[in-house]
Amino acid sequence: MKITAGLGSVDDYPMYVEAGADECFCGYVPFAWAEKYGVLNPLNRREVRAYNVQIGSYEELKILGNMRKYYQVPVAITFNSLSYTPEQYPVVGEIIGQCHQAGFDTIIVADPALLLYIRSQKIPCRIHLSGEFGEINSQMADFLEEMEICRVIFHRKNTVEDMKSCISNLKKNIEYEAFVLNELCHFSGGFCNSLHCDELGHLCRVPYRVGKLNKKCKGVLELSNQKADEVENEDLDVENYRTGAGGCGLCALYDLQKAGITYLKIVGRGNYTEFMQQDIIRLKKALMILETAETKREFRDRMKQELFPDGCSQNCYY
C-alpha cells in the first residue's frame, strides 16, 4: 500500500515527499472564482484563505507543477463540491484545463454531473472518485466503467468489510483508497452541507457528544466545551503531538491490505506541516512492520509498541 498526503501549500510538497509520501493531493481555487462565487458556491469545499489549505493562484500551481517534474511524485487536484450551478460547469472545465497545462493530469471529483460533463466534453484527465461522492457499492460497476474512473476513494463511514465486498465486485484494474489518519468526523462528507470557510466556524468543530438527550444535557455541553478547549490547546503543542489524535486507522492496516486497498489517505490540508511530516514517517514505519508481520496480532502488538509506547489516541476510524 502507498501513502497519499494532503497539501496545504506549495512549500509542503518537498517536505512530504522527503518524509515518504508516494503521492499528494491539493485544492486549487483561483481568485477569480472566489471573487465571483464567494463561499456559498465552493469549488472544492475548502473556501479558506486565512491559512494554508490550498493553491490560490495559477503561478503557484505552475511552481508546484515544476516541483512535481523534479520529484516525480504525482499530485491530484481536488474538485470536491457536491454540485455546481449550470453556468459553473464550463468554468470548472476551464480550471481543469489550467491544471492540465501546469502539468497535472489527475483530478478528484465528487459531483456525478461534473463526471458526465468532463466525459461529454472529452476533457483529458484521470479521475479519482472522491470520498465526498457518498455511498459506494457493487452496483456502481457499470457507472465506473462508463466514466473511466481509475480510483475509488472510500468515504469515512465505510467499514473494512464494506470495502472488501465492493472491491471483490468492482473492476479489477481500479485503485482503491481508504482514510487512515486525521479528521475523523461523525458526518458523512457526501451528506454534509457545512461550509468550510473563514467567515463561519466549521460544523465539524462545534463541540458535541454522541448520546441520548436528557436532563443532563447542559452539563454535557459544558463538558464538551471543556473538551474542545483541551483539544485546541493540544493542537498548539507541537512538541507533544501524537499521531492519530484526530482519527487513526493504523490498527486496521492488516485488514485493509487483505481487503485490497492500494492507497492510504492522510488528511492534512490546513494541518501543521510538522504534524503531517510525523504522520507520514510513522505511517511509513507502520507499513514496514506490516511487511514483516506474519499475523494481525503480531502487527498490532509491534506497531503499538514502536509507535505508541505511551498509548494510542483510541480515536479509531475502523
C-alpha atoms as a PDB file:
ATOM      1  CA  MET A   1       0.000   0.000   0.000  1.00  0.00           C
ATOM      2  CA  LYS A   2       1.108   3.543  -0.793  1.00  0.00           C
ATOM      3  CA  ILE A   3       0.684   6.846   1.065  1.00  0.00           C
ATOM      4  CA  THR A   4      -1.186   9.870  -0.299  1.00  0.00           C
ATOM      5  CA  ALA A   5      -0.999  13.095   1.740  1.00  0.00           C
ATOM      6  CA  GLY A   6      -2.950  16.362   1.595  1.00  0.00           C
ATOM      7  CA  LEU A   7      -1.027  19.567   0.798  1.00  0.00           C
ATOM      8  CA  GLY A   8      -1.869  22.882   2.421  1.00  0.00           C
ATOM      9  CA  SER A   9       0.628  24.856   0.339  1.00  0.00           C
ATOM     10  CA  VAL A  10       3.318  24.532  -2.327  1.00  0.00           C
ATOM     11  CA  ASP A  11       6.022  24.561   0.362  1.00  0.00           C
ATOM     12  CA  ASP A  12       4.644  21.356   1.894  1.00  0.00           C
ATOM     13  CA  TYR A  13       5.273  19.251  -1.206  1.00  0.00           C
ATOM     14  CA  PRO A  14       9.053  18.612  -0.990  1.00  0.00           C
ATOM     15  CA  MET A  15       8.814  18.068   2.783  1.00  0.00           C
ATOM     16  CA  TYR A  16       6.110  15.420   2.436  1.00  0.00           C
ATOM     17  CA  VAL A  17       7.928  13.701  -0.407  1.00  0.00           C
ATOM     18  CA  GLU A  18      11.143  13.551   1.603  1.00  0.00           C
ATOM     19  CA  ALA A  19       9.162  12.219   4.597  1.00  0.00           C
ATOM     20  CA  GLY A  20       7.979   9.310   2.440  1.00  0.00           C
ATOM     21  CA  ALA A  21       4.704  10.259   0.720  1.00  0.00           C
ATOM     22  CA  ASP A  22       4.146   8.323  -2.520  1.00  0.00           C
ATOM     23  CA  GLU A  23       1.542  10.785  -3.749  1.00  0.00           C
ATOM     24  CA  CYS A  24      -0.093  14.091  -2.755  1.00  0.00           C
ATOM     25  CA  PHE A  25      -3.376  15.871  -3.337  1.00  0.00           C
ATOM     26  CA  CYS A  26      -4.355  19.527  -3.028  1.00  0.00           C
ATOM     27  CA  GLY A  27      -7.067  22.029  -3.815  1.00  0.00           C
ATOM     28  CA  TYR A  28      -6.797  24.859  -6.337  1.00  0.00           C
ATOM     29  CA  VAL A  29      -9.168  27.843  -6.130  1.00  0.00           C
ATOM     30  CA  PRO A  30      -8.299  30.752  -8.480  1.00  0.00           C
ATOM     31  CA  PHE A  31      -9.012  34.180  -7.012  1.00  0.00           C
ATOM     32  CA  ALA A  32     -11.422  34.892  -9.891  1.00  0.00           C
ATOM     33  CA  TRP A  33     -13.634  32.009  -8.713  1.00  0.00           C
ATOM     34  CA  ALA A  34     -13.565  33.139  -5.085  1.00  0.00           C
ATOM     35  CA  GLU A  35     -14.300  36.742  -6.098  1.00  0.00           C
ATOM     36  CA  LYS A  36     -17.285  35.801  -8.279  1.00  0.00           C
ATOM     37  CA  TYR A  37     -18.889  32.964  -6.318  1.00  0.00           C
ATOM     38  CA  GLY A  38     -17.769  33.581  -2.737  1.00  0.00           C
ATOM     39  CA  VAL A  39     -18.136  30.840  -0.122  1.00  0.00           C
ATOM     40  CA  LEU A  40     -21.706  29.745  -0.925  1.00  0.00           C
ATOM     41  CA  ASN A  41     -20.688  28.143  -4.241  1.00  0.00           C
ATOM     42  CA  PRO A  42     -17.455  26.340  -3.349  1.00  0.00           C
ATOM     43  CA  LEU A  43     -15.110  24.817  -5.895  1.00  0.00           C
ATOM     44  CA  ASN A  44     -13.725  22.142  -3.577  1.00  0.00           C
ATOM     45  CA  ARG A  45     -15.397  22.749  -0.187  1.00  0.00           C
ATOM     46  CA  ARG A  46     -12.310  24.432   1.265  1.00  0.00           C
ATOM     47  CA  GLU A  47     -13.003  28.131   0.738  1.00  0.00           C
ATOM     48  CA  VAL A  48     -10.360  29.169   3.267  1.00  0.00           C
ATOM     49  CA  ARG A  49      -7.762  31.903   2.771  1.00  0.00           C
ATOM     50  CA  ALA A  50      -6.791  32.776   6.347  1.00  0.00           C
ATOM     51  CA  TYR A  51      -4.355  29.848   6.487  1.00  0.00           C
ATOM     52  CA  ASN A  52      -2.763  27.339   4.126  1.00  0.00           C
ATOM     53  CA  VAL A  53      -5.386  24.949   2.789  1.00  0.00           C
ATOM     54  CA  GLN A  54      -4.923  25.052  -0.994  1.00  0.00           C
ATOM     55  CA  ILE A  55      -3.243  26.608  -4.000  1.00  0.00           C
ATOM     56  CA  GLY A  56      -4.623  30.107  -4.545  1.00  0.00           C
ATOM     57  CA  SER A  57      -3.096  31.254  -7.844  1.00  0.00           C
ATOM     58  CA  TYR A  58      -2.097  29.865 -11.228  1.00  0.00           C
ATOM     59  CA  GLU A  59       1.522  30.944 -10.701  1.00  0.00           C
ATOM     60  CA  GLU A  60       1.668  28.820  -7.533  1.00  0.00           C
ATOM     61  CA  LEU A  61       0.145  25.935  -9.464  1.00  0.00           C
ATOM     62  CA  LYS A  62       2.898  26.212 -12.098  1.00  0.00           C
ATOM     63  CA  ILE A  63       5.554  26.223  -9.364  1.00  0.00           C
ATOM     64  CA  LEU A  64       4.049  23.036  -7.935  1.00  0.00           C
ATOM     65  CA  GLY A  65       3.995  21.581 -11.442  1.00  0.00           C
ATOM     66  CA  ASN A  66       7.734  22.208 -11.805  1.00  0.00           C
ATOM     67  CA  MET A  67       8.359  20.656  -8.387  1.00  0.00           C
ATOM     68  CA  ARG A  68       6.369  17.620  -9.467  1.00  0.00           C
ATOM     69  CA  LYS A  69       8.580  17.205 -12.542  1.00  0.00           C
ATOM     70  CA  TYR A  70      11.662  17.295 -10.325  1.00  0.00           C
ATOM     71  CA  TYR A  71      10.466  14.934  -7.586  1.00  0.00           C
ATOM     72  CA  GLN A  72       8.385  12.684  -9.868  1.00  0.00           C
ATOM     73  CA  VAL A  73       5.723  12.191  -7.173  1.00  0.00           C
ATOM     74  CA  PRO A  74       2.141  12.537  -8.510  1.00  0.00           C
ATOM     75  CA  VAL A  75      -0.247  15.254  -7.314  1.00  0.00           C
ATOM     76  CA  ALA A  76      -4.039  15.091  -7.744  1.00  0.00           C
ATOM     77  CA  ILE A  77      -6.199  18.252  -7.756  1.00  0.00           C
ATOM     78  CA  THR A  78      -9.480  18.174  -5.830  1.00  0.00           C
ATOM     79  CA  PHE A  79     -12.883  19.316  -7.125  1.00  0.00           C
ATOM     80  CA  ASN A  80     -14.883  18.186  -4.116  1.00  0.00           C
ATOM     81  CA  SER A  81     -18.050  20.250  -4.285  1.00  0.00           C
ATOM     82  CA  LEU A  82     -21.174  18.074  -4.162  1.00  0.00           C
ATOM     83  CA  SER A  83     -22.793  20.064  -7.007  1.00  0.00           C
ATOM     84  CA  TYR A  84     -22.360  23.147  -9.199  1.00  0.00           C
ATOM     85  CA  THR A  85     -24.761  25.541 -10.921  1.00  0.00           C
ATOM     86  CA  PRO A  86     -25.239  25.027 -14.691  1.00  0.00           C
ATOM     87  CA  GLU A  87     -23.159  28.120 -15.520  1.00  0.00           C
ATOM     88  CA  GLN A  88     -20.260  26.845 -13.398  1.00  0.00           C
ATOM     89  CA  TYR A  89     -19.547  23.608 -15.268  1.00  0.00           C
ATOM     90  CA  PRO A  90     -17.799  25.318 -18.227  1.00  0.00           C
ATOM     91  CA  VAL A  91     -15.801  27.406 -15.714  1.00  0.00           C
ATOM     92  CA  VAL A  92     -14.738  24.271 -13.835  1.00  0.00           C
ATOM     93  CA  GLY A  93     -13.797  22.741 -17.190  1.00  0.00           C
ATOM     94  CA  GLU A  94     -11.535  25.723 -17.899  1.00  0.00           C
ATOM     95  CA  ILE A  95      -9.897  25.389 -14.469  1.00  0.00           C
ATOM     96  CA  ILE A  96      -9.245  21.685 -15.125  1.00  0.00           C
ATOM     97  CA  GLY A  97      -7.640  22.798 -18.391  1.00  0.00           C
ATOM     98  CA  GLN A  98      -5.369  25.184 -16.448  1.00  0.00           C
ATOM     99  CA  CYS A  99      -4.334  22.314 -14.198  1.00  0.00           C
ATOM    100  CA  HIS A 100      -3.527  20.201 -17.262  1.00  0.00           C
ATOM    101  CA  GLN A 101      -1.386  22.986 -18.735  1.00  0.00           C
ATOM    102  CA  ALA A 102       0.507  23.247 -15.437  1.00  0.00           C
ATOM    103  CA  GLY A 103       1.330  19.526 -15.589  1.00  0.00           C
ATOM    104  CA  PHE A 104      -1.466  17.853 -13.621  1.00  0.00           C
ATOM    105  CA  ASP A 105      -3.454  15.093 -15.284  1.00  0.00           C
ATOM    106  CA  THR A 106      -5.358  13.673 -12.281  1.00  0.00           C
ATOM    107  CA  ILE A 107      -8.376  15.204 -10.548  1.00  0.00           C
ATOM    108  CA  ILE A 108     -10.590  14.137  -7.636  1.00  0.00           C
ATOM    109  CA  VAL A 109     -14.315  14.579  -8.345  1.00  0.00           C
ATOM    110  CA  ALA A 110     -17.357  14.260  -6.059  1.00  0.00           C
ATOM    111  CA  ASP A 111     -20.206  15.544  -8.272  1.00  0.00           C
ATOM    112  CA  PRO A 112     -21.707  12.931 -10.691  1.00  0.00           C
ATOM    113  CA  ALA A 113     -22.843  15.710 -13.024  1.00  0.00           C
ATOM    114  CA  LEU A 114     -19.276  17.001 -13.249  1.00  0.00           C
ATOM    115  CA  LEU A 115     -18.148  13.494 -14.187  1.00  0.00           C
ATOM    116  CA  LEU A 116     -20.681  13.451 -17.006  1.00  0.00           C
ATOM    117  CA  TYR A 117     -19.645  16.952 -18.133  1.00  0.00           C
ATOM    118  CA  ILE A 118     -15.946  16.056 -18.215  1.00  0.00           C
ATOM    119  CA  ARG A 119     -16.526  12.923 -20.282  1.00  0.00           C
ATOM    120  CA  SER A 120     -19.081  14.531 -22.616  1.00  0.00           C
ATOM    121  CA  GLN A 121     -16.694  17.434 -23.304  1.00  0.00           C
ATOM    122  CA  LYS A 122     -13.789  14.970 -23.703  1.00  0.00           C
ATOM    123  CA  ILE A 123     -11.636  16.895 -21.216  1.00  0.00           C
ATOM    124  CA  PRO A 124      -8.404  14.871 -20.913  1.00  0.00           C
ATOM    125  CA  CYS A 125      -7.806  13.775 -17.311  1.00  0.00           C
ATOM    126  CA  ARG A 126      -7.592  10.794 -14.993  1.00  0.00           C
ATOM    127  CA  ILE A 127     -10.397  10.759 -12.420  1.00  0.00           C
ATOM    128  CA  HIS A 128     -10.400   9.618  -8.797  1.00  0.00           C
ATOM    129  CA  LEU A 129     -13.880   9.239  -7.328  1.00  0.00           C
ATOM    130  CA  SER A 130     -13.872  11.415  -4.207  1.00  0.00           C
ATOM    131  CA  GLY A 131     -14.709  10.172  -0.741  1.00  0.00           C
ATOM    132  CA  GLU A 132     -17.268  13.020  -0.779  1.00  0.00           C
ATOM    133  CA  PHE A 133     -19.175  11.202  -3.539  1.00  0.00           C
ATOM    134  CA  GLY A 134     -21.268   9.370  -0.967  1.00  0.00           C
ATOM    135  CA  GLU A 135     -22.209   5.726  -0.936  1.00  0.00           C
ATOM    136  CA  ILE A 136     -20.025   3.229  -2.772  1.00  0.00           C
ATOM    137  CA  ASN A 137     -21.437  -0.207  -3.642  1.00  0.00           C
ATOM    138  CA  SER A 138     -21.002  -3.055  -6.094  1.00  0.00           C
ATOM    139  CA  GLN A 139     -23.921  -1.857  -8.254  1.00  0.00           C
ATOM    140  CA  MET A 140     -21.730   1.060  -9.381  1.00  0.00           C
ATOM    141  CA  ALA A 141     -19.560  -1.190 -11.568  1.00  0.00           C
ATOM    142  CA  ASP A 142     -21.222  -0.191 -14.856  1.00  0.00           C
ATOM    143  CA  PHE A 143     -21.147   3.512 -13.946  1.00  0.00           C
ATOM    144  CA  LEU A 144     -17.440   3.385 -13.082  1.00  0.00           C
ATOM    145  CA  GLU A 145     -16.754   1.563 -16.323  1.00  0.00           C
ATOM    146  CA  GLU A 146     -18.552   4.213 -18.364  1.00  0.00           C
ATOM    147  CA  MET A 147     -16.890   7.149 -16.590  1.00  0.00           C
ATOM    148  CA  GLU A 148     -13.431   5.506 -16.821  1.00  0.00           C
ATOM    149  CA  ILE A 149     -12.747   6.014 -13.113  1.00  0.00           C
ATOM    150  CA  CYS A 150      -9.194   4.938 -12.253  1.00  0.00           C
ATOM    151  CA  ARG A 151      -9.514   5.090  -8.439  1.00  0.00           C
ATOM    152  CA  VAL A 152     -12.273   4.857  -5.852  1.00  0.00           C
ATOM    153  CA  ILE A 153     -11.767   6.711  -2.554  1.00  0.00           C
ATOM    154  CA  PHE A 154     -13.951   5.116   0.108  1.00  0.00           C
ATOM    155  CA  HIS A 155     -15.614   7.573   2.484  1.00  0.00           C
ATOM    156  CA  ARG A 156     -15.091   7.672   6.247  1.00  0.00           C
ATOM    157  CA  LYS A 157     -18.146   5.559   7.109  1.00  0.00           C
ATOM    158  CA  ASN A 158     -17.202   2.515   5.034  1.00  0.00           C
ATOM    159  CA  THR A 159     -16.200  -0.464   7.149  1.00  0.00           C
ATOM    160  CA  VAL A 160     -13.380  -2.744   6.064  1.00  0.00           C
ATOM    161  CA  GLU A 161     -15.990  -5.393   5.221  1.00  0.00           C
ATOM    162  CA  ASP A 162     -17.851  -2.865   3.030  1.00  0.00           C
ATOM    163  CA  MET A 163     -14.638  -2.107   1.153  1.00  0.00           C
ATOM    164  CA  LYS A 164     -13.770  -5.775   0.733  1.00  0.00           C
ATOM    165  CA  SER A 165     -17.220  -6.543  -0.662  1.00  0.00           C
ATOM    166  CA  CYS A 166     -17.106  -3.635  -3.138  1.00  0.00           C
ATOM    167  CA  ILE A 167     -13.585  -4.417  -4.300  1.00  0.00           C
ATOM    168  CA  SER A 168     -14.490  -8.046  -4.964  1.00  0.00           C
ATOM    169  CA  ASN A 169     -17.370  -6.927  -7.208  1.00  0.00           C
ATOM    170  CA  LEU A 170     -15.883  -3.898  -8.956  1.00  0.00           C
ATOM    171  CA  LYS A 171     -13.356  -3.622 -11.774  1.00  0.00           C
ATOM    172  CA  LYS A 172     -10.069  -5.358 -11.128  1.00  0.00           C
ATOM    173  CA  ASN A 173      -7.921  -2.604 -12.663  1.00  0.00           C
ATOM    174  CA  ILE A 174      -9.176   0.181 -10.360  1.00  0.00           C
ATOM    175  CA  GLU A 175      -7.104   1.526  -7.462  1.00  0.00           C
ATOM    176  CA  TYR A 176      -8.728   1.772  -4.041  1.00  0.00           C
ATOM    177  CA  GLU A 177      -8.038   4.355  -1.342  1.00  0.00           C
ATOM    178  CA  ALA A 178      -9.079   4.498   2.323  1.00  0.00           C
ATOM    179  CA  PHE A 179      -8.809   7.128   5.065  1.00  0.00           C
ATOM    180  CA  VAL A 180      -6.165   6.251   7.635  1.00  0.00           C
ATOM    181  CA  LEU A 181      -5.191   9.389   9.610  1.00  0.00           C
ATOM    182  CA  ASN A 182      -6.783  12.687  10.752  1.00  0.00           C
ATOM    183  CA  GLU A 183     -10.167  14.396  10.562  1.00  0.00           C
ATOM    184  CA  LEU A 184     -12.348  11.578  11.795  1.00  0.00           C
ATOM    185  CA  CYS A 185     -15.847  13.046  11.623  1.00  0.00           C
ATOM    186  CA  HIS A 186     -19.318  11.842  12.613  1.00  0.00           C
ATOM    187  CA  PHE A 187     -20.698  13.432   9.447  1.00  0.00           C
ATOM    188  CA  SER A 188     -20.553  11.737   6.041  1.00  0.00           C
ATOM    189  CA  GLY A 189     -18.973  14.089   3.501  1.00  0.00           C
ATOM    190  CA  GLY A 190     -21.467  13.259   0.764  1.00  0.00           C
ATOM    191  CA  PHE A 191     -24.348  14.352   3.005  1.00  0.00           C
ATOM    192  CA  CYS A 192     -22.738  17.311   4.787  1.00  0.00           C
ATOM    193  CA  ASN A 193     -23.952  20.828   3.998  1.00  0.00           C
ATOM    194  CA  SER A 194     -21.486  22.610   6.258  1.00  0.00           C
ATOM    195  CA  LEU A 195     -19.373  25.426   4.839  1.00  0.00           C
ATOM    196  CA  HIS A 196     -15.607  25.291   5.413  1.00  0.00           C
ATOM    197  CA  CYS A 197     -14.649  28.952   5.195  1.00  0.00           C
ATOM    198  CA  ASP A 198     -13.040  31.815   7.136  1.00  0.00           C
ATOM    199  CA  GLU A 199     -16.321  33.549   7.945  1.00  0.00           C
ATOM    200  CA  LEU A 200     -18.038  30.685   9.797  1.00  0.00           C
ATOM    201  CA  GLY A 201     -16.924  28.061  12.278  1.00  0.00           C
ATOM    202  CA  HIS A 202     -16.778  24.589  10.747  1.00  0.00           C
ATOM    203  CA  LEU A 203     -19.763  22.487  11.806  1.00  0.00           C
ATOM    204  CA  CYS A 204     -17.474  19.525  12.491  1.00  0.00           C
ATOM    205  CA  ARG A 205     -15.585  21.698  15.017  1.00  0.00           C
ATOM    206  CA  VAL A 206     -18.688  22.570  17.063  1.00  0.00           C
ATOM    207  CA  PRO A 207     -18.401  20.845  20.483  1.00  0.00           C
ATOM    208  CA  TYR A 208     -20.718  17.859  20.782  1.00  0.00           C
ATOM    209  CA  ARG A 209     -21.082  14.446  22.368  1.00  0.00           C
ATOM    210  CA  VAL A 210     -22.921  11.494  20.850  1.00  0.00           C
ATOM    211  CA  GLY A 211     -25.556  10.111  23.229  1.00  0.00           C
ATOM    212  CA  LYS A 212     -29.130  10.346  24.445  1.00  0.00           C
ATOM    213  CA  LEU A 213     -30.608  13.787  25.104  1.00  0.00           C
ATOM    214  CA  ASN A 214     -31.654  14.081  28.764  1.00  0.00           C
ATOM    215  CA  LYS A 215     -31.863  16.475  31.702  1.00  0.00           C
ATOM    216  CA  LYS A 216     -28.105  16.498  31.985  1.00  0.00           C
ATOM    217  CA  CYS A 217     -27.640  17.976  28.507  1.00  0.00           C
ATOM    218  CA  LYS A 218     -26.451  21.287  29.985  1.00  0.00           C
ATOM    219  CA  GLY A 219     -23.663  19.523  31.869  1.00  0.00           C
ATOM    220  CA  VAL A 220     -22.769  17.559  28.751  1.00  0.00           C
ATOM    221  CA  LEU A 221     -22.479  20.790  26.741  1.00  0.00           C
ATOM    222  CA  GLU A 222     -20.204  22.312  29.383  1.00  0.00           C
ATOM    223  CA  LEU A 223     -18.069  19.175  29.387  1.00  0.00           C
ATOM    224  CA  SER A 224     -17.948  19.217  25.571  1.00  0.00           C
ATOM    225  CA  ASN A 225     -16.789  22.834  25.547  1.00  0.00           C
ATOM    226  CA  GLN A 226     -14.097  21.990  28.095  1.00  0.00           C
ATOM    227  CA  LYS A 227     -13.027  19.040  25.952  1.00  0.00           C
ATOM    228  CA  ALA A 228     -12.877  21.275  22.865  1.00  0.00           C
ATOM    229  CA  ASP A 229     -10.629  23.735  24.710  1.00  0.00           C
ATOM    230  CA  GLU A 230      -8.313  20.875  25.684  1.00  0.00           C
ATOM    231  CA  VAL A 231      -8.114  19.707  22.064  1.00  0.00           C
ATOM    232  CA  GLU A 232      -7.407  23.250  20.871  1.00  0.00           C
ATOM    233  CA  ASN A 233      -4.589  23.647  23.386  1.00  0.00           C
ATOM    234  CA  GLU A 234      -3.214  20.231  22.442  1.00  0.00           C
ATOM    235  CA  ASP A 235      -3.161  21.235  18.762  1.00  0.00           C
ATOM    236  CA  LEU A 236      -0.838  24.116  19.635  1.00  0.00           C
ATOM    237  CA  ASP A 237       1.612  21.840  21.478  1.00  0.00           C
ATOM    238  CA  VAL A 238       3.888  20.804  18.612  1.00  0.00           C
ATOM    239  CA  GLU A 239       6.374  19.005  20.870  1.00  0.00           C
ATOM    240  CA  ASN A 240       3.790  16.560  22.246  1.00  0.00           C
ATOM    241  CA  TYR A 241       1.910  15.846  19.029  1.00  0.00           C
ATOM    242  CA  ARG A 242       0.502  12.332  18.876  1.00  0.00           C
ATOM    243  CA  THR A 243      -0.181  10.716  15.501  1.00  0.00           C
ATOM    244  CA  GLY A 244      -3.807   9.678  15.153  1.00  0.00           C
ATOM    245  CA  ALA A 245      -5.182  12.086  17.773  1.00  0.00           C
ATOM    246  CA  GLY A 246      -7.689  13.398  15.226  1.00  0.00           C
ATOM    247  CA  GLY A 247      -8.555   9.981  13.792  1.00  0.00           C
ATOM    248  CA  CYS A 248      -6.480   6.834  13.356  1.00  0.00           C
ATOM    249  CA  GLY A 249      -6.742   3.699  11.249  1.00  0.00           C
ATOM    250  CA  LEU A 250      -3.284   2.192  11.810  1.00  0.00           C
ATOM    251  CA  CYS A 251      -4.602  -0.893  13.619  1.00  0.00           C
ATOM    252  CA  ALA A 252      -6.665  -1.698  10.508  1.00  0.00           C
ATOM    253  CA  LEU A 253      -3.734  -1.738   8.070  1.00  0.00           C
ATOM    254  CA  TYR A 254      -3.529  -5.534   8.108  1.00  0.00           C
ATOM    255  CA  ASP A 255      -7.238  -5.870   7.257  1.00  0.00           C
ATOM    256  CA  LEU A 256      -7.170  -3.019   4.723  1.00  0.00           C
ATOM    257  CA  GLN A 257      -4.357  -4.723   2.830  1.00  0.00           C
ATOM    258  CA  LYS A 258      -6.237  -8.027   2.833  1.00  0.00           C
ATOM    259  CA  ALA A 259      -9.356  -6.230   1.568  1.00  0.00           C
ATOM    260  CA  GLY A 260      -7.464  -4.874  -1.460  1.00  0.00           C
ATOM    261  CA  ILE A 261      -6.818  -1.244  -0.514  1.00  0.00           C
ATOM    262  CA  THR A 262      -3.897   0.144  -2.527  1.00  0.00           C
ATOM    263  CA  TYR A 263      -3.612   3.729  -1.195  1.00  0.00           C
ATOM    264  CA  LEU A 264      -3.847   5.161   2.325  1.00  0.00           C
ATOM    265  CA  LYS A 265      -5.094   8.729   2.769  1.00  0.00           C
ATOM    266  CA  ILE A 266      -3.582  11.123   5.303  1.00  0.00           C
ATOM    267  CA  VAL A 267      -5.877  14.143   5.508  1.00  0.00           C
ATOM    268  CA  GLY A 268      -3.753  17.211   6.012  1.00  0.00           C
ATOM    269  CA  ARG A 269      -4.917  20.336   4.203  1.00  0.00           C
ATOM    270  CA  GLY A 270      -4.708  23.078   6.821  1.00  0.00           C
ATOM    271  CA  ASN A 271      -2.785  20.934   9.290  1.00  0.00           C
ATOM    272  CA  TYR A 272       0.622  21.907  10.695  1.00  0.00           C
ATOM    273  CA  THR A 273       3.356  20.827   8.304  1.00  0.00           C
ATOM    274  CA  GLU A 274       5.409  19.320  11.156  1.00  0.00           C
ATOM    275  CA  PHE A 275       2.426  17.205  12.227  1.00  0.00           C
ATOM    276  CA  MET A 276       1.938  15.901   8.701  1.00  0.00           C
ATOM    277  CA  GLN A 277       5.611  15.007   8.392  1.00  0.00           C
ATOM    278  CA  GLN A 278       5.371  12.957  11.576  1.00  0.00           C
ATOM    279  CA  ASP A 279       2.196  11.279  10.313  1.00  0.00           C
ATOM    280  CA  ILE A 280       3.866  10.259   7.051  1.00  0.00           C
ATOM    281  CA  ILE A 281       7.012   8.983   8.770  1.00  0.00           C
ATOM    282  CA  ARG A 282       5.039   6.938  11.316  1.00  0.00           C
ATOM    283  CA  LEU A 283       2.649   5.527   8.720  1.00  0.00           C
ATOM    284  CA  LYS A 284       5.681   4.532   6.650  1.00  0.00           C
ATOM    285  CA  LYS A 285       7.115   2.773   9.709  1.00  0.00           C
ATOM    286  CA  ALA A 286       3.811   1.005  10.339  1.00  0.00           C
ATOM    287  CA  LEU A 287       3.841  -0.266   6.742  1.00  0.00           C
ATOM    288  CA  MET A 288       7.371  -1.592   7.215  1.00  0.00           C
ATOM    289  CA  ILE A 289       6.188  -3.502  10.285  1.00  0.00           C
ATOM    290  CA  LEU A 290       3.242  -4.814   8.256  1.00  0.00           C
ATOM    291  CA  GLU A 291       5.598  -6.223   5.611  1.00  0.00           C
ATOM    292  CA  THR A 292       7.352  -8.472   8.127  1.00  0.00           C
ATOM    293  CA  ALA A 293       4.452  -9.356  10.448  1.00  0.00           C
ATOM    294  CA  GLU A 294       3.027 -12.849   9.956  1.00  0.00           C
ATOM    295  CA  THR A 295      -0.274 -12.286  11.779  1.00  0.00           C
ATOM    296  CA  LYS A 296      -2.637  -9.437  12.566  1.00  0.00           C
ATOM    297  CA  ARG A 297      -1.912  -9.793  16.284  1.00  0.00           C
ATOM    298  CA  GLU A 298       1.844  -9.592  15.713  1.00  0.00           C
ATOM    299  CA  PHE A 299       1.433  -6.496  13.538  1.00  0.00           C
ATOM    300  CA  ARG A 300      -0.760  -4.668  16.068  1.00  0.00           C
ATOM    301  CA  ASP A 301       1.447  -5.536  19.037  1.00  0.00           C
ATOM    302  CA  ARG A 302       4.661  -4.447  17.324  1.00  0.00           C
ATOM    303  CA  MET A 303       3.092  -1.337  15.794  1.00  0.00           C
ATOM    304  CA  LYS A 304       1.679  -0.120  19.108  1.00  0.00           C
ATOM    305  CA  GLN A 305       4.889  -0.929  20.953  1.00  0.00           C
ATOM    306  CA  GLU A 306       7.052   1.022  18.488  1.00  0.00           C
ATOM    307  CA  LEU A 307       4.717   3.894  17.562  1.00  0.00           C
ATOM    308  CA  PHE A 308       2.580   4.288  20.680  1.00  0.00           C
ATOM    309  CA  PRO A 309       4.645   3.199  23.705  1.00  0.00           C
ATOM    310  CA  ASP A 310       2.601   5.572  25.908  1.00  0.00           C
ATOM    311  CA  GLY A 311      -0.739   4.522  24.437  1.00  0.00           C
ATOM    312  CA  CYS A 312      -2.622   5.488  21.286  1.00  0.00           C
ATOM    313  CA  SER A 313      -5.408   8.058  20.887  1.00  0.00           C
ATOM    314  CA  GLN A 314      -8.162   5.397  20.800  1.00  0.00           C
ATOM    315  CA  ASN A 315      -9.903   7.617  18.218  1.00  0.00           C
ATOM    316  CA  CYS A 316     -10.350   4.777  15.738  1.00  0.00           C
ATOM    317  CA  TYR A 317     -11.549   5.043  12.146  1.00  0.00           C
ATOM    318  CA  TYR A 318     -12.307   1.325  11.889  1.00  0.00           C
END
